[in-house]
Protein backbone atom coordinates (compact mmCIF):
# COMPACT_ATOMS: atom_id res chain seq x y z
CA MET A 1 -57.00 65.52 3.39
CA SER A 2 -56.50 64.86 -0.31
CA GLY A 3 -57.83 67.84 -3.11
CA TRP A 4 -61.24 66.70 -2.82
CA PHE A 5 -62.38 70.05 -0.88
CA GLY A 6 -58.48 72.05 -2.18
CA GLY A 7 -56.61 70.75 0.27
CA LYS A 8 -53.47 69.75 -0.32
CA ASP A 9 -52.79 66.01 -0.04
CA SER A 10 -49.89 65.00 2.58
CA SER A 11 -48.61 62.16 -0.44
CA SER A 12 -47.95 64.45 -2.74
CA SER A 13 -44.90 66.31 -3.89
CA SER A 14 -44.63 69.89 -4.48
CA SER A 15 -42.93 68.95 -8.12
CA GLY A 16 -46.37 68.32 -9.86
CA GLY A 17 -48.64 66.06 -6.78
CA GLY A 18 -51.88 65.21 -8.02
CA GLY A 19 -54.68 64.31 -6.00
CA GLY A 20 -55.03 61.16 -3.74
CA GLY A 21 -51.21 61.33 -3.95
CA ARG A 22 -50.22 60.44 -7.31
CA PRO A 23 -47.73 62.03 -8.84
CA ASN A 24 -48.34 64.37 -11.97
CA ARG A 25 -45.65 62.56 -13.60
CA GLY A 26 -46.31 60.46 -16.66
CA ARG A 27 -49.92 61.37 -16.60
CA SER A 28 -51.57 63.54 -19.14
CA THR A 29 -52.87 66.51 -19.14
CA GLU A 30 -56.34 65.01 -19.84
CA GLU A 31 -55.83 62.22 -17.29
CA ILE A 32 -55.58 64.71 -14.48
CA LEU A 33 -59.11 67.05 -15.35
CA GLN A 34 -60.64 63.76 -16.26
CA GLU A 35 -60.01 62.58 -12.50
CA GLU A 36 -60.64 66.40 -11.29
CA MET A 37 -63.77 66.56 -13.30
CA GLN A 38 -65.15 62.82 -11.31
CA LYS A 39 -64.59 64.14 -8.30
CA LEU A 40 -66.59 67.31 -8.73
CA GLN A 41 -69.08 65.59 -9.88
CA VAL A 42 -69.07 62.94 -7.15
CA LEU A 43 -69.37 65.99 -5.17
CA GLU A 44 -72.32 67.59 -7.01
CA GLY A 45 -74.08 63.83 -6.25
CA ILE A 46 -73.44 64.26 -1.99
CA LYS A 47 -74.77 67.64 -2.75
CA ASN A 48 -78.21 66.89 -4.37
CA LEU A 49 -78.86 64.26 -2.66
CA ASN A 50 -78.35 65.74 0.73
CA SER A 51 -80.31 68.59 -0.70
CA ILE A 52 -83.12 66.63 -2.12
CA THR A 53 -83.42 64.50 1.76
CA GLU A 54 -83.52 67.93 3.27
CA ARG A 55 -86.04 69.28 1.18
CA CYS A 56 -88.42 65.57 1.74
CA PHE A 57 -87.75 66.23 5.61
CA GLU A 58 -89.27 69.41 5.61
CA VAL A 59 -92.55 68.56 3.57
CA CYS A 60 -92.80 65.22 5.12
CA VAL A 61 -91.89 64.64 8.45
CA ASN A 62 -94.43 66.89 10.82
CA ASN A 63 -94.81 65.06 13.98
CA PHE A 64 -91.28 65.24 16.36
CA ARG A 65 -93.62 63.92 19.33
CA THR A 66 -91.42 60.32 18.65
CA ARG A 67 -88.14 58.67 17.38
CA LYS A 68 -89.99 57.03 15.10
CA LEU A 69 -91.35 58.21 11.43
CA GLU A 70 -95.36 57.96 11.06
CA SER A 71 -96.11 55.65 8.80
CA SER A 72 -97.67 58.50 6.50
CA GLU A 73 -94.61 60.65 6.72
CA GLU A 74 -92.79 57.91 5.50
CA SER A 75 -94.31 57.11 2.75
CA CYS A 76 -94.46 60.94 1.82
CA PHE A 77 -90.84 61.18 2.53
CA LYS A 78 -90.19 57.68 -0.08
CA LYS A 79 -92.41 58.76 -2.34
CA CYS A 80 -90.48 62.65 -2.76
CA PHE A 81 -87.48 60.98 -2.94
CA GLU A 82 -88.19 58.66 -5.42
CA LYS A 83 -89.33 61.11 -7.53
CA HIS A 84 -86.73 63.88 -7.17
CA ILE A 85 -84.27 61.27 -7.43
CA LYS A 86 -86.59 60.16 -10.86
CA ILE A 87 -86.15 63.56 -12.38
CA SER A 88 -82.90 64.25 -11.37
CA LEU A 89 -81.22 61.43 -13.23
CA ARG A 90 -84.39 62.12 -16.29
CA MET A 91 -82.44 65.63 -16.30
CA GLN A 92 -79.10 64.12 -16.50
CA LYS A 93 -79.58 62.28 -18.51
CA THR A 94 -80.78 65.11 -21.23
CA PHE A 95 -77.73 67.16 -20.62
CA GLN A 96 -75.79 63.88 -21.50
CA GLU A 97 -77.61 63.42 -25.18
CA SER A 98 -77.61 67.29 -25.37
CA GLN A 99 -73.29 66.98 -24.68
CA LEU A 100 -73.31 64.40 -27.23
CA ILE A 101 -75.55 66.21 -30.12
CA GLN A 102 -73.13 69.22 -29.49
CA GLN A 103 -70.60 66.72 -30.21
CA GLN A 104 -71.11 65.14 -33.09
CA GLN A 105 -71.73 68.57 -34.39
CA LEU A 106 -69.03 70.29 -33.63
CA GLN A 107 -67.26 67.06 -34.91
CA GLU A 108 -69.28 67.22 -38.62
CA LYS A 109 -68.54 71.04 -38.77
CA GLU A 110 -64.79 70.38 -38.71
CA ASN A 111 -64.68 67.22 -40.94
CA LYS A 112 -67.00 69.11 -43.10
CA ASP A 113 -64.49 72.54 -42.77
CA PHE A 114 -61.35 69.96 -42.67
CA SER A 115 -62.93 68.57 -46.59
CA LEU A 116 -62.78 72.49 -48.39
């Protein structure tokens, strides 16, 4: 198993193997960090989808007498899921925008300090 869940990839060498079996030699720390951050983002996305699904299921599905969802349950679930996805995407966009603004402010401060 790769480094996704903290396990060691069988193709990693003890002399600096990275997740996915790619050796760290020739890769910068920043590249390795970026790859690990992407893995964490994927895991967080999966957790978020599971959480939304569970929440909407608890709210919308009440009848367990049949194998299929009733049309009202299906409609409720779809609306609930879409609402939570829209909110999640908006929060992600807002976070990314705030990060960009912070980076720009930091860069401006560094440029100002450098010119003094």
